[in-house]
Amino acid sequence: MPKQQYEFGAFCLDPAGPLLFREGQVIPLAPKVADVLLVLLENCGKVVEKEYLLRKVWPDTFVAEGSLARTVSILRKALGEEQEYIATVPKRGYRFVASVRQPPSAATIPTVVPGRVLLAVLPFQNLNSDKEQEYFADGMTEEMTTQLARLNLDQLRVIARTSAMTYKGTGKSIDEIGRELGVTYILEGSVRHWGDRVRISAQLVLAREQTHVWAQSYEENVADVLKLQSQIACAIADEIQIKLTPQDRRRLTRNRSVNPKAHELYLKGRYVWNRRTEDSLKKALDYFQQSLENDPTYAEGYVGLADSLNSLGYYNAMPPREAFPKAKGAAIRALQLDDSLGEAHAALGVIKRDFEWDWPGAAKEFKRALELNAGHADAHNWYATLFNMLGRPEDALKAKAAALELDPLSLSVNTDLGRTFYFARQYDRAVEQFQKTMEFDPNFGITYLWLGEVFEQQGLLDKAISHLEKGVGIAGGSPYALAKLGHGFAMVGSCDEARAVLNQLRELSSQRYVSPYDIAMIHVGLQENDEAFSWLQKAFEQRSLWLGYLNVEPQLDPLRSDRRFHELLRRIGLLNRASHGGQLIS
């Protein structure tokens, strides 16, 4: 038999959670706060002794009376000050004094499925005076986020690192951050690293009330830093009553040691990798390689290596035939060492999608990645890109929505959502999404490039050129950005300017890698189809990842009726996956 619900004033407490509602809306309460309310309601009108409350709410745990008083204070704030619900009985305890109604059946209140607990890990404070140690504090933040994100996502959602890091050094209050991210709890903390020791202090805060519900400090040898992170994750799960699966428990209790030097270099690699510029990706690659030289069995180091190579291939900073095979070797080695790393499966999915054009294989790896770590925002986003390539915008939008739920402030995810609308030819929605992303960061150059392409398709050519030029300026004249501007010049009839860009790209190709696909697109704009197909053939031979978008790229419409285009689709494996109709093997 389900427990009876309790109604008082505008509130209703469902003991099954316990969950507190006010006029149908859930009022966030920390578990211990809700437990205190339930005990008081069960004894409505009676004095509930302090000792009894302490035994009922904190069984088998010593808790001082001060903690009970703070919990009651939090509860009173949640209930508001319109009327008195809880009276203090001096030297004895508390009494629930408001009228309580018990509805005759649960049918009087609609059944509400409780939502997941939403949590954000704010950037840990670096307590070392040496600012060079900033990478260590940021690394602890990222690893703590990953530890928690791997837990049961049916009950817990953890905001991704990218969004949480935007609050580094912020002057915003906890409740402001909580509202902006839509989270119930915030984990904040500090890190001190000296010699071979590390100390992590962490506090779990109920965002709305800005009240600490749990705090603890841990100190260990730096080789056992993963043990500290697991202890924190377990403590948080217990505090917010997340039911850990057997797999969660096994993973959190493995407590394997790490090679301190390898781990330090890995954290430095992630610190610069997260900047996602060409220079930072090359630095990250070097750090991950050094990490693996110190410990060739460090699985996470191979994941970092694969991610760096994948990104360098994606941004055309390395030839695809150089970047992606090396990335594949690193991802496979990571999985040989630890098959439970969802991040390694996600990296392998990118390789199968962007280099091997193995669509079912890519889907399999992304699915496996999300089975192992459903909180991996990048895996959701990368899976969505696969759906984009296959002309399945509805599935892409669902996956992008999952990525945004986890990483709402990510520039790349927000930009990729705009691309999804672009590929689906929903240009007005694409414009709206790109402009929204620009509000996050007006200096994110790739957004201008993509918005310029949308304006091209809408026939707003002057606006297209101005946005493309702005994107090139921010991107520092990268070949990828220049090619988009060259195509724009061709579309407005500025053929001399378009050919000047072609010449510039050819000169750059003697200094660095320039994708044949980029050159092909300018020839498409110039309506030089034979030249375009010649360069697309070279792009095929070099395995340009952008060929995966052949079915959905609007700029390629002038080529679609040519038999050479269909032959190219066949060779890439897209011929039977026509736009908006392709099927993906599950």
Protein backbone atom coordinates (compact mmCIF):
# COMPACT_ATOMS: atom_id res chain seq x y z
CA MET A 1 0.00 0.00 0.00
CA PRO A 2 1.41 3.42 -0.90
CA LYS A 3 1.74 5.87 2.00
CA GLN A 4 -0.97 8.49 2.40
CA GLN A 5 -0.29 11.98 1.10
CA TYR A 6 -0.43 15.01 3.38
CA GLU A 7 -2.03 18.34 2.40
CA PHE A 8 -1.57 21.57 4.37
CA GLY A 9 -2.12 25.12 3.17
CA ALA A 10 -1.12 25.27 -0.51
CA PHE A 11 1.26 22.32 -0.07
CA CYS A 12 1.12 18.58 -0.56
CA LEU A 13 3.78 16.11 0.57
CA ASP A 14 3.97 12.79 -1.25
CA PRO A 15 5.85 10.41 1.11
CA ALA A 16 6.93 8.21 -1.83
CA GLY A 17 9.71 10.69 -2.65
CA PRO A 18 9.31 12.30 -0.33
CA LEU A 19 8.33 15.13 -2.68
CA LEU A 20 6.83 18.48 -1.70
CA PHE A 21 4.46 20.25 -4.09
CA ARG A 22 3.01 23.73 -4.00
CA GLU A 23 0.05 24.13 -6.34
CA GLY A 24 1.38 21.30 -8.50
CA GLN A 25 4.97 22.61 -8.68
CA VAL A 26 7.81 20.66 -7.06
CA ILE A 27 9.55 22.55 -4.24
CA PRO A 28 13.21 21.41 -4.14
CA LEU A 29 14.12 20.02 -0.73
CA ALA A 30 17.27 18.28 0.37
CA PRO A 31 16.46 14.67 1.34
CA LYS A 32 17.06 15.22 5.09
CA VAL A 33 14.89 18.34 5.05
CA ALA A 34 12.06 16.39 3.41
CA ASP A 35 12.52 13.58 5.95
CA VAL A 36 12.14 16.01 8.87
CA LEU A 37 8.93 17.37 7.34
CA LEU A 38 7.53 13.87 6.92
CA VAL A 39 8.21 12.96 10.57
CA LEU A 40 6.53 16.18 11.74
CA LEU A 41 3.50 15.56 9.52
CA GLU A 42 3.19 11.97 10.73
CA ASN A 43 3.01 13.38 14.25
CA CYS A 44 0.92 16.44 13.44
CA GLY A 45 -0.19 18.33 16.57
CA LYS A 46 2.20 16.42 18.81
CA VAL A 47 5.50 17.53 20.25
CA VAL A 48 8.27 15.62 18.45
CA GLU A 49 11.26 15.35 20.71
CA LYS A 50 14.64 16.34 19.30
CA GLU A 51 16.18 12.97 20.12
CA TYR A 52 13.36 11.18 18.28
CA LEU A 53 13.84 13.36 15.20
CA LEU A 54 17.57 12.76 15.23
CA ARG A 55 17.09 8.96 15.46
CA LYS A 56 14.46 8.89 12.69
CA VAL A 57 16.21 11.16 10.20
CA TRP A 58 19.85 10.27 10.90
CA PRO A 59 19.77 6.62 12.02
CA ASP A 60 23.11 5.10 13.05
CA THR A 61 24.80 8.48 12.67
CA PHE A 62 25.85 10.97 15.33
CA VAL A 63 24.47 14.40 14.43
CA ALA A 64 24.56 17.38 16.75
CA GLU A 65 21.39 19.29 17.63
CA GLY A 66 22.75 22.25 15.67
CA SER A 67 22.35 20.30 12.42
CA LEU A 68 18.72 19.60 13.27
CA ALA A 69 18.10 23.27 14.02
CA ARG A 70 19.65 24.29 10.68
CA THR A 71 17.55 21.69 8.86
CA VAL A 72 14.34 23.00 10.45
CA SER A 73 15.38 26.56 9.52
CA ILE A 74 15.81 25.50 5.87
CA LEU A 75 12.41 23.81 5.97
CA ARG A 76 10.72 26.93 7.34
CA LYS A 77 12.23 29.05 4.54
CA ALA A 78 10.97 26.58 1.94
CA LEU A 79 7.45 26.73 3.36
CA GLY A 80 7.48 30.53 3.37
CA GLU A 81 6.44 33.02 5.98
CA GLU A 82 2.74 33.37 5.13
CA GLN A 83 1.77 31.34 8.18
CA GLU A 84 3.43 29.35 10.92
CA TYR A 85 3.64 25.63 10.18
CA ILE A 86 6.31 24.52 12.67
CA ALA A 87 6.43 25.69 16.26
CA THR A 88 9.52 25.33 18.45
CA VAL A 89 8.88 23.81 21.85
CA PRO A 90 11.75 25.13 24.02
CA LYS A 91 14.18 22.50 25.34
CA ARG A 92 12.05 19.70 23.86
CA GLY A 93 11.55 19.73 20.11
CA TYR A 94 9.10 20.82 17.42
CA ARG A 95 5.39 20.57 16.67
CA PHE A 96 3.59 20.84 13.32
CA VAL A 97 0.77 23.29 14.17
CA ALA A 98 -1.03 23.86 10.83
CA SER A 99 -4.12 21.91 9.82
CA VAL A 100 -3.21 18.78 7.85
CA ARG A 101 -5.57 17.00 5.46
CA GLN A 102 -5.17 13.47 4.22
CA PRO A 103 -7.05 13.00 0.93
CA PRO A 104 -9.18 9.85 0.83
CA SER A 105 -7.34 8.48 -2.16
CA ALA A 106 -4.23 9.25 -4.15
CA ALA A 107 -6.48 9.97 -7.14
CA THR A 108 -7.22 13.42 -5.74
CA ILE A 109 -3.68 14.46 -6.73
CA PRO A 110 -2.26 13.59 -10.14
CA THR A 111 0.63 11.16 -10.05
CA VAL A 112 3.85 13.04 -10.69
CA VAL A 113 6.97 11.18 -11.74
CA PRO A 114 9.83 12.86 -9.89
CA GLY A 115 12.45 14.44 -12.13
CA ARG A 116 16.12 13.75 -12.01
CA VAL A 117 18.34 15.55 -9.55
CA LEU A 118 20.19 18.29 -11.41
CA LEU A 119 23.73 19.10 -10.29
CA ALA A 120 26.58 21.33 -11.43
CA VAL A 121 30.23 21.10 -10.39
CA LEU A 122 31.59 24.64 -10.22
CA PRO A 123 35.29 25.24 -10.97
CA PHE A 124 37.34 24.17 -7.96
CA GLN A 125 39.39 26.96 -6.39
CA ASN A 126 43.16 26.65 -6.68
CA LEU A 127 44.52 27.24 -3.17
CA ASN A 128 48.13 27.08 -4.34
CA SER A 129 49.81 30.46 -4.61
CA ASP A 130 51.42 29.21 -7.82
CA LYS A 131 49.04 30.09 -10.67
CA GLU A 132 50.83 27.48 -12.76
CA GLN A 133 48.83 24.98 -10.69
CA GLU A 134 45.56 26.25 -12.18
CA TYR A 135 45.50 23.27 -14.56
CA PHE A 136 45.37 20.94 -11.54
CA ALA A 137 42.30 22.58 -10.01
CA ASP A 138 40.55 22.67 -13.40
CA GLY A 139 41.52 19.04 -13.95
CA MET A 140 40.02 18.02 -10.61
CA THR A 141 36.82 19.85 -11.61
CA GLU A 142 36.63 18.00 -14.90
CA GLU A 143 37.39 14.59 -13.42
CA MET A 144 34.87 15.12 -10.62
CA THR A 145 32.26 16.08 -13.22
CA THR A 146 33.04 12.92 -15.18
CA GLN A 147 32.85 10.72 -12.06
CA LEU A 148 29.39 12.04 -11.23
CA ALA A 149 28.15 12.10 -14.83
CA ARG A 150 28.81 8.38 -15.14
CA LEU A 151 26.34 7.60 -12.35
CA ASN A 152 22.70 6.61 -12.87
CA LEU A 153 21.37 9.24 -15.31
CA ASP A 154 17.79 8.14 -14.65
CA GLN A 155 18.19 9.88 -11.30
CA LEU A 156 21.05 12.30 -11.78
CA ARG A 157 22.03 14.83 -14.45
CA VAL A 158 25.35 16.63 -14.21
CA ILE A 159 26.02 19.82 -16.14
CA ALA A 160 29.01 19.38 -18.46
CA ARG A 161 32.35 20.99 -17.77
CA THR A 162 32.08 23.49 -20.63
CA SER A 163 28.99 25.20 -19.21
CA ALA A 164 30.12 25.03 -15.58
CA MET A 165 33.53 26.56 -16.37
CA THR A 166 31.88 29.74 -17.66
CA TYR A 167 31.35 30.60 -13.98
CA LYS A 168 35.05 30.50 -13.13
CA GLY A 169 35.83 33.66 -11.20
CA THR A 170 32.22 34.82 -11.43
CA GLY A 171 30.68 37.23 -8.97
CA LYS A 172 27.28 35.60 -9.34
CA SER A 173 25.59 34.07 -6.32
CA ILE A 174 24.86 30.37 -5.98
CA ASP A 175 21.13 30.88 -6.46
CA GLU A 176 21.75 32.92 -9.65
CA ILE A 177 23.94 30.17 -11.07
CA GLY A 178 21.39 27.58 -10.02
CA ARG A 179 18.61 29.41 -11.85
CA GLU A 180 20.67 29.94 -14.99
CA LEU A 181 21.70 26.28 -15.21
CA GLY A 182 18.39 24.94 -13.88
CA VAL A 183 20.09 22.84 -11.21
CA THR A 184 18.99 21.84 -7.73
CA TYR A 185 22.45 21.23 -6.26
CA ILE A 186 25.85 22.79 -6.78
CA LEU A 187 29.14 21.18 -5.79
CA GLU A 188 31.88 23.67 -5.07
CA GLY A 189 35.27 23.10 -3.61
CA SER A 190 38.96 23.83 -3.44
CA VAL A 191 42.18 21.97 -4.22
CA ARG A 192 45.63 22.23 -2.68
CA HIS A 193 48.48 20.27 -4.26
CA TRP A 194 51.93 20.17 -2.68
CA GLY A 195 54.67 17.63 -3.15
CA ASP A 196 53.11 14.20 -3.39
CA ARG A 197 49.98 15.20 -1.43
CA VAL A 198 46.62 16.56 -2.54
CA ARG A 199 43.79 17.92 -0.40
CA ILE A 200 40.27 18.39 -1.76
CA SER A 201 37.58 20.21 0.20
CA ALA A 202 34.06 19.94 -1.22
CA GLN A 203 30.67 21.40 -0.27
CA LEU A 204 27.28 20.40 -1.63
CA VAL A 205 24.92 23.37 -1.73
CA LEU A 206 21.17 23.46 -2.22
CA ALA A 207 21.17 26.20 -4.85
CA ARG A 208 17.83 27.84 -4.18
CA GLU A 209 18.40 28.26 -0.45
CA GLN A 210 22.18 28.72 -0.81
CA THR A 211 22.48 26.30 2.10
CA HIS A 212 25.26 23.77 2.62
CA VAL A 213 23.82 20.29 3.05
CA TRP A 214 27.13 18.42 3.12
CA ALA A 215 30.81 19.30 3.42
CA GLN A 216 33.95 17.25 3.78
CA SER A 217 37.70 17.44 3.25
CA TYR A 218 39.90 14.65 1.98
CA GLU A 219 43.66 14.29 1.82
CA GLU A 220 45.66 11.58 0.11
CA ASN A 221 48.82 10.82 -1.77
CA VAL A 222 48.44 12.27 -5.26
CA ALA A 223 48.67 8.74 -6.68
CA ASP A 224 45.33 8.03 -4.99
CA VAL A 225 43.50 11.10 -6.29
CA LEU A 226 40.92 8.91 -8.06
CA LYS A 227 40.14 7.37 -4.68
CA LEU A 228 39.34 10.84 -3.32
CA GLN A 229 37.07 11.57 -6.27
CA SER A 230 35.24 8.26 -5.79
CA GLN A 231 34.74 8.97 -2.08
CA ILE A 232 33.23 12.36 -2.89
CA ALA A 233 30.97 10.86 -5.58
CA CYS A 234 29.72 8.17 -3.17
CA ALA A 235 29.09 10.72 -0.43
CA ILE A 236 27.10 12.96 -2.77
CA ALA A 237 25.08 10.03 -4.11
CA ASP A 238 24.20 9.01 -0.55
CA GLU A 239 23.33 12.57 0.47
CA ILE A 240 20.92 13.17 -2.41
CA GLN A 241 19.67 9.56 -2.29
CA ILE A 242 20.82 8.43 -5.72
CA LYS A 243 20.51 4.66 -6.03
CA LEU A 244 23.84 3.48 -7.37
CA THR A 245 23.79 0.51 -9.71
CA PRO A 246 26.10 -2.45 -9.01
CA GLN A 247 28.22 -1.25 -11.93
CA ASP A 248 28.48 2.21 -10.34
CA ARG A 249 29.55 0.71 -7.02
CA ARG A 250 32.18 -1.51 -8.65
CA ARG A 251 33.64 1.36 -10.63
CA LEU A 252 33.71 3.75 -7.67
CA THR A 253 35.36 1.21 -5.38
CA ARG A 254 38.11 0.13 -7.76
CA ASN A 255 40.24 2.97 -6.42
CA ARG A 256 43.15 2.25 -8.71
CA SER A 257 46.26 4.33 -8.27
CA VAL A 258 47.67 6.53 -11.01
CA ASN A 259 51.21 7.37 -11.98
CA PRO A 260 51.47 10.93 -10.55
CA LYS A 261 53.65 12.28 -13.36
CA ALA A 262 51.48 10.70 -16.06
CA HIS A 263 48.35 12.06 -14.39
CA GLU A 264 49.84 15.54 -14.07
CA LEU A 265 50.72 15.62 -17.78
CA TYR A 266 47.27 14.28 -18.63
CA LEU A 267 45.62 17.12 -16.68
CA LYS A 268 47.81 19.66 -18.48
CA GLY A 269 46.75 18.08 -21.77
CA ARG A 270 43.05 18.37 -20.96
CA TYR A 271 43.56 21.92 -19.71
CA VAL A 272 44.84 23.10 -23.10
CA TRP A 273 42.69 20.69 -25.17
CA ASN A 274 39.57 22.38 -23.83
CA ARG A 275 40.57 25.63 -25.54
CA ARG A 276 40.02 23.88 -28.93
CA THR A 277 42.36 26.10 -30.95
CA GLU A 278 44.86 24.63 -33.40
CA ASP A 279 47.83 25.62 -31.25
CA SER A 280 46.25 24.35 -28.03
CA LEU A 281 45.34 21.02 -29.66
CA LYS A 282 48.94 20.52 -30.74
CA LYS A 283 50.14 21.33 -27.22
CA ALA A 284 47.58 18.89 -25.82
CA LEU A 285 48.83 16.19 -28.19
CA ASP A 286 52.36 16.69 -26.86
CA TYR A 287 51.22 16.52 -23.21
CA PHE A 288 49.27 13.30 -23.79
CA GLN A 289 52.23 11.73 -25.53
CA GLN A 290 54.48 12.66 -22.60
CA SER A 291 51.87 11.26 -20.21
CA LEU A 292 51.95 7.90 -21.99
CA GLU A 293 55.75 7.87 -22.01
CA ASN A 294 55.53 7.97 -18.21
CA ASP A 295 52.82 5.29 -18.08
CA PRO A 296 52.09 3.29 -21.26
CA THR A 297 49.16 1.60 -19.47
CA TYR A 298 47.28 4.85 -18.73
CA ALA A 299 44.01 4.36 -20.64
CA GLU A 300 42.77 7.93 -20.21
CA GLY A 301 46.00 9.19 -21.77
CA TYR A 302 45.18 7.27 -24.95
CA VAL A 303 41.68 8.78 -24.96
CA GLY A 304 43.24 12.25 -24.74
CA LEU A 305 45.56 11.35 -27.60
CA ALA A 306 42.61 10.16 -29.73
CA ASP A 307 40.53 13.25 -28.94
CA SER A 308 43.41 15.57 -29.88
CA LEU A 309 44.09 13.80 -33.18
CA ASN A 310 40.37 13.71 -34.02
CA SER A 311 40.09 17.44 -33.38
CA LEU A 312 43.20 18.24 -35.42
CA GLY A 313 41.75 16.20 -38.28
CA TYR A 314 38.38 17.90 -37.95
CA TYR A 315 39.87 21.40 -38.13
CA ASN A 316 42.12 20.42 -41.07
CA ALA A 317 45.20 21.10 -38.95
CA MET A 318 46.47 17.65 -39.97
CA PRO A 319 45.76 15.61 -43.11
CA PRO A 320 42.94 13.13 -42.40
CA ARG A 321 45.07 10.16 -43.46
CA GLU A 322 47.62 11.15 -40.84
CA ALA A 323 45.34 12.17 -37.98
CA PHE A 324 42.52 9.62 -37.92
CA PRO A 325 44.48 6.32 -38.25
CA LYS A 326 46.68 7.42 -35.35
CA ALA A 327 43.56 8.41 -33.41
CA LYS A 328 42.05 4.99 -34.07
CA GLY A 329 45.13 3.23 -32.76
CA ALA A 330 44.98 5.32 -29.57
CA ALA A 331 41.24 4.72 -29.04
CA ILE A 332 41.58 0.97 -29.56
CA ARG A 333 44.52 0.83 -27.15
CA ALA A 334 42.46 2.70 -24.54
CA LEU A 335 39.66 0.15 -24.89
CA GLN A 336 42.10 -2.74 -24.63
CA LEU A 337 43.19 -1.31 -21.31
CA ASP A 338 39.71 -0.37 -20.09
CA ASP A 339 36.63 -1.27 -22.15
CA SER A 340 34.39 0.63 -19.72
CA LEU A 341 35.62 4.05 -20.90
CA GLY A 342 32.67 5.56 -22.72
CA GLU A 343 34.94 8.41 -23.85
CA ALA A 344 37.10 5.96 -25.82
CA HIS A 345 34.04 4.51 -27.57
CA ALA A 346 32.91 8.04 -28.43
CA ALA A 347 36.34 8.85 -29.91
CA LEU A 348 36.18 5.67 -31.99
CA GLY A 349 32.68 6.65 -33.16
CA VAL A 350 34.07 9.94 -34.48
CA ILE A 351 36.74 8.08 -36.45
CA LYS A 352 34.23 5.69 -37.97
CA ARG A 353 31.95 8.61 -38.86
CA ASP A 354 34.45 11.14 -40.18
CA PHE A 355 37.17 8.97 -41.70
CA GLU A 356 35.92 5.46 -42.37
CA TRP A 357 32.35 6.44 -43.33
CA ASP A 358 31.22 3.37 -41.44
CA TRP A 359 27.79 4.68 -40.48
CA PRO A 360 26.48 1.59 -38.60
CA GLY A 361 29.86 1.20 -36.87
CA ALA A 362 29.82 4.83 -35.76
CA ALA A 363 26.28 4.47 -34.39
CA LYS A 364 27.29 1.35 -32.46
CA GLU A 365 30.22 3.14 -30.82
CA PHE A 366 28.18 6.23 -29.89
CA LYS A 367 25.44 4.05 -28.40
CA ARG A 368 27.99 2.11 -26.39
CA ALA A 369 29.59 5.35 -25.21
CA LEU A 370 26.24 6.58 -23.92
CA GLU A 371 25.43 3.26 -22.28
CA LEU A 372 28.64 3.60 -20.27
CA ASN A 373 28.40 7.36 -19.68
CA ALA A 374 25.00 8.81 -20.48
CA GLY A 375 26.21 12.14 -19.12
CA HIS A 376 28.83 12.54 -21.87
CA ALA A 377 27.56 15.69 -23.62
CA ASP A 378 30.06 15.45 -26.48
CA ALA A 379 28.95 11.90 -27.28
CA HIS A 380 25.33 13.10 -27.62
CA ASN A 381 26.49 15.96 -29.84
CA TRP A 382 28.71 13.75 -32.01
CA TYR A 383 25.91 11.21 -32.39
CA ALA A 384 23.63 14.05 -33.50
CA THR A 385 26.17 15.00 -36.18
CA LEU A 386 25.98 11.45 -37.53
CA PHE A 387 22.21 11.85 -37.86
CA ASN A 388 22.79 15.16 -39.67
CA MET A 389 25.05 13.46 -42.21
CA LEU A 390 22.43 10.79 -42.84
CA GLY A 391 19.65 13.33 -43.42
CA ARG A 392 17.73 12.51 -40.25
CA PRO A 393 17.06 15.95 -38.74
CA GLU A 394 14.45 14.80 -36.22
CA ASP A 395 16.87 12.29 -34.68
CA ALA A 396 19.64 14.88 -34.84
CA LEU A 397 17.50 17.41 -32.97
CA LYS A 398 16.70 14.88 -30.24
CA ALA A 399 20.39 14.10 -29.75
CA LYS A 400 21.31 17.80 -29.83
CA ALA A 401 18.63 18.47 -27.21
CA ALA A 402 20.21 15.82 -24.97
CA ALA A 403 23.61 17.47 -25.44
CA LEU A 404 22.20 20.92 -24.64
CA GLU A 405 20.44 19.63 -21.53
CA LEU A 406 23.86 18.61 -20.24
CA ASP A 407 25.85 21.50 -21.70
CA PRO A 408 23.48 24.48 -22.16
CA LEU A 409 26.19 27.15 -22.48
CA SER A 410 28.48 25.27 -24.88
CA LEU A 411 29.31 27.38 -27.93
CA SER A 412 30.04 24.35 -30.09
CA VAL A 413 26.82 22.52 -29.17
CA ASN A 414 24.72 25.65 -29.71
CA THR A 415 26.43 26.29 -33.04
CA ASP A 416 25.91 22.67 -34.08
CA LEU A 417 22.21 23.02 -33.33
CA GLY A 418 22.12 25.90 -35.80
CA ARG A 419 23.85 23.67 -38.35
CA THR A 420 21.16 21.04 -37.84
CA PHE A 421 18.51 23.59 -38.85
CA TYR A 422 20.72 24.65 -41.79
CA PHE A 423 21.07 21.10 -43.12
CA ALA A 424 17.32 20.60 -42.68
CA ARG A 425 16.84 23.83 -44.69
CA GLN A 426 15.01 25.49 -41.82
CA TYR A 427 16.88 28.72 -42.41
CA ASP A 428 14.87 31.05 -40.18
CA ARG A 429 15.42 28.76 -37.20
CA ALA A 430 19.10 28.49 -38.10
CA VAL A 431 19.47 32.28 -38.10
CA GLU A 432 17.73 32.52 -34.74
CA GLN A 433 19.97 29.85 -33.21
CA PHE A 434 23.22 31.32 -34.56
CA GLN A 435 22.28 34.78 -33.32
CA LYS A 436 21.49 33.35 -29.90
CA THR A 437 24.94 31.72 -29.84
CA MET A 438 26.57 35.04 -30.71
CA GLU A 439 25.00 36.51 -27.57
CA PHE A 440 26.98 33.95 -25.53
CA ASP A 441 30.25 35.00 -27.20
CA PRO A 442 30.40 37.59 -30.01
CA ASN A 443 33.97 36.49 -30.80
CA PHE A 444 33.22 32.86 -31.66
CA GLY A 445 34.24 33.06 -35.32
CA ILE A 446 32.72 29.85 -36.68
CA THR A 447 29.22 31.09 -35.85
CA TYR A 448 29.69 34.01 -38.26
CA LEU A 449 30.85 31.63 -40.99
CA TRP A 450 27.83 29.39 -40.66
CA LEU A 451 25.41 32.30 -40.39
CA GLY A 452 26.95 33.73 -43.56
CA GLU A 453 26.17 30.47 -45.35
CA VAL A 454 22.56 30.62 -44.18
CA PHE A 455 22.24 34.16 -45.52
CA GLU A 456 23.61 32.87 -48.85
CA GLN A 457 20.79 30.33 -49.05
CA GLN A 458 18.26 33.04 -48.19
CA GLY A 459 19.59 35.28 -50.95
CA LEU A 460 20.79 37.92 -48.46
CA LEU A 461 24.17 38.13 -50.12
CA ASP A 462 25.44 41.42 -48.66
CA LYS A 463 24.74 40.15 -45.15
CA ALA A 464 26.37 36.86 -46.09
CA ILE A 465 29.63 38.51 -47.17
CA SER A 466 29.82 40.78 -44.11
CA HIS A 467 29.40 37.80 -41.76
CA LEU A 468 31.87 35.64 -43.69
CA GLU A 469 34.47 38.41 -43.61
CA LYS A 470 33.95 38.84 -39.86
CA GLY A 471 34.38 35.07 -39.39
CA VAL A 472 37.62 35.06 -41.40
CA GLY A 473 38.96 37.94 -39.32
CA ILE A 474 38.25 36.18 -36.03
CA ALA A 475 39.58 32.85 -37.34
CA GLY A 476 42.87 34.45 -38.36
CA GLY A 477 42.54 33.53 -42.02
CA SER A 478 42.33 29.74 -41.59
CA PRO A 479 41.93 27.81 -44.88
CA TYR A 480 38.52 26.54 -43.75
CA ALA A 481 37.27 30.11 -43.15
CA LEU A 482 38.86 31.49 -46.33
CA ALA A 483 37.16 28.82 -48.43
CA LYS A 484 33.75 29.80 -47.11
CA LEU A 485 34.45 33.43 -47.95
CA GLY A 486 35.65 32.39 -51.42
CA HIS A 487 32.39 30.56 -52.04
CA GLY A 488 30.49 33.64 -50.85
CA PHE A 489 32.40 35.89 -53.27
CA ALA A 490 31.54 33.52 -56.11
CA MET A 491 27.85 33.55 -55.16
CA VAL A 492 27.64 37.37 -55.27
CA GLY A 493 29.39 37.44 -58.64
CA SER A 494 32.73 38.71 -57.33
CA CYS A 495 34.65 36.15 -59.36
CA ASP A 496 38.01 37.95 -59.18
CA GLU A 497 37.84 37.96 -55.37
CA ALA A 498 36.86 34.28 -55.39
CA ARG A 499 39.85 33.40 -57.59
CA ALA A 500 42.11 35.47 -55.36
CA VAL A 501 41.02 33.27 -52.45
CA LEU A 502 41.76 30.17 -54.56
CA ASN A 503 45.27 31.45 -55.19
CA GLN A 504 45.70 32.21 -51.50
CA LEU A 505 44.68 28.66 -50.58
CA ARG A 506 47.09 27.17 -53.11
CA GLU A 507 49.93 29.24 -51.61
CA LEU A 508 48.93 28.14 -48.11
CA SER A 509 48.98 24.49 -49.21
CA SER A 510 52.78 24.68 -49.51
CA GLN A 511 52.97 25.59 -45.81
CA ARG A 512 50.18 23.55 -44.23
CA TYR A 513 47.36 21.15 -45.04
CA VAL A 514 44.53 22.58 -47.13
CA SER A 515 41.56 20.32 -47.75
CA PRO A 516 40.67 19.69 -51.42
CA TYR A 517 37.03 19.88 -50.32
CA ASP A 518 37.47 23.57 -49.45
CA ILE A 519 38.88 24.32 -52.91
CA ALA A 520 36.10 22.29 -54.53
CA MET A 521 33.43 24.40 -52.84
CA ILE A 522 34.77 27.63 -54.37
CA HIS A 523 34.62 26.02 -57.83
CA VAL A 524 31.01 25.02 -57.08
CA GLY A 525 30.23 28.66 -56.38
CA LEU A 526 31.95 29.66 -59.63
CA GLN A 527 29.80 27.08 -61.48
CA GLU A 528 32.95 25.27 -62.64
CA ASN A 529 31.56 21.79 -62.16
CA ASP A 530 34.36 19.84 -63.81
CA GLU A 531 36.93 21.52 -61.58
CA ALA A 532 34.67 20.98 -58.57
CA PHE A 533 34.41 17.23 -59.24
CA SER A 534 38.15 16.99 -59.81
CA TRP A 535 38.79 18.46 -56.38
CA LEU A 536 36.03 16.36 -54.78
CA GLN A 537 37.77 13.29 -56.15
CA LYS A 538 40.98 14.42 -54.43
CA ALA A 539 38.96 15.01 -51.28
CA PHE A 540 37.69 11.43 -51.52
CA GLU A 541 41.21 10.09 -51.91
CA GLN A 542 42.30 12.07 -48.84
CA ARG A 543 39.18 11.01 -46.89
CA SER A 544 37.91 14.54 -46.20
CA LEU A 545 35.33 14.31 -43.43
CA TRP A 546 33.16 16.96 -45.10
CA LEU A 547 32.20 14.48 -47.81
CA GLY A 548 29.99 12.92 -45.15
CA TYR A 549 27.65 15.90 -45.60
CA LEU A 550 27.14 15.41 -49.36
CA ASN A 551 23.49 14.45 -48.96
CA VAL A 552 22.54 17.46 -46.86
CA GLU A 553 24.82 20.37 -47.80
CA PRO A 554 22.64 22.98 -49.63
CA GLN A 555 25.69 24.49 -51.35
CA LEU A 556 26.08 21.25 -53.31
CA ASP A 557 22.61 21.41 -54.88
CA PRO A 558 24.02 22.51 -58.29
CA LEU A 559 25.82 19.15 -58.56
CA ARG A 560 23.04 16.79 -57.51
CA SER A 561 21.75 15.96 -61.00
CA ASP A 562 25.23 14.96 -62.24
CA ARG A 563 25.93 11.23 -62.42
CA ARG A 564 29.37 11.89 -60.92
CA PHE A 565 27.68 13.13 -57.77
CA HIS A 566 25.68 9.90 -57.44
CA GLU A 567 28.82 7.86 -58.00
CA LEU A 568 30.54 9.79 -55.22
CA LEU A 569 27.58 9.12 -52.91
CA ARG A 570 27.80 5.42 -53.75
CA ARG A 571 31.49 5.23 -52.95
CA ILE A 572 30.99 6.96 -49.60
CA GLY A 573 28.07 4.70 -48.72
CA LEU A 574 25.41 7.40 -48.85
CA LEU A 575 23.63 6.55 -52.11
CA ASN A 576 20.83 4.61 -50.39
CA ARG A 577 20.64 7.09 -47.56
CA ALA A 578 19.01 9.92 -49.43
CA SER A 579 18.42 13.16 -47.61
CA HIS A 580 15.77 12.86 -44.88
CA GLY A 581 15.30 9.20 -45.68
CA GLY A 582 18.49 7.36 -44.79
CA GLN A 583 18.22 4.40 -42.45
CA LEU A 584 20.83 3.64 -39.84
CA ILE A 585 21.44 0.08 -38.78
CA SER A 586 20.91 -0.18 -35.03
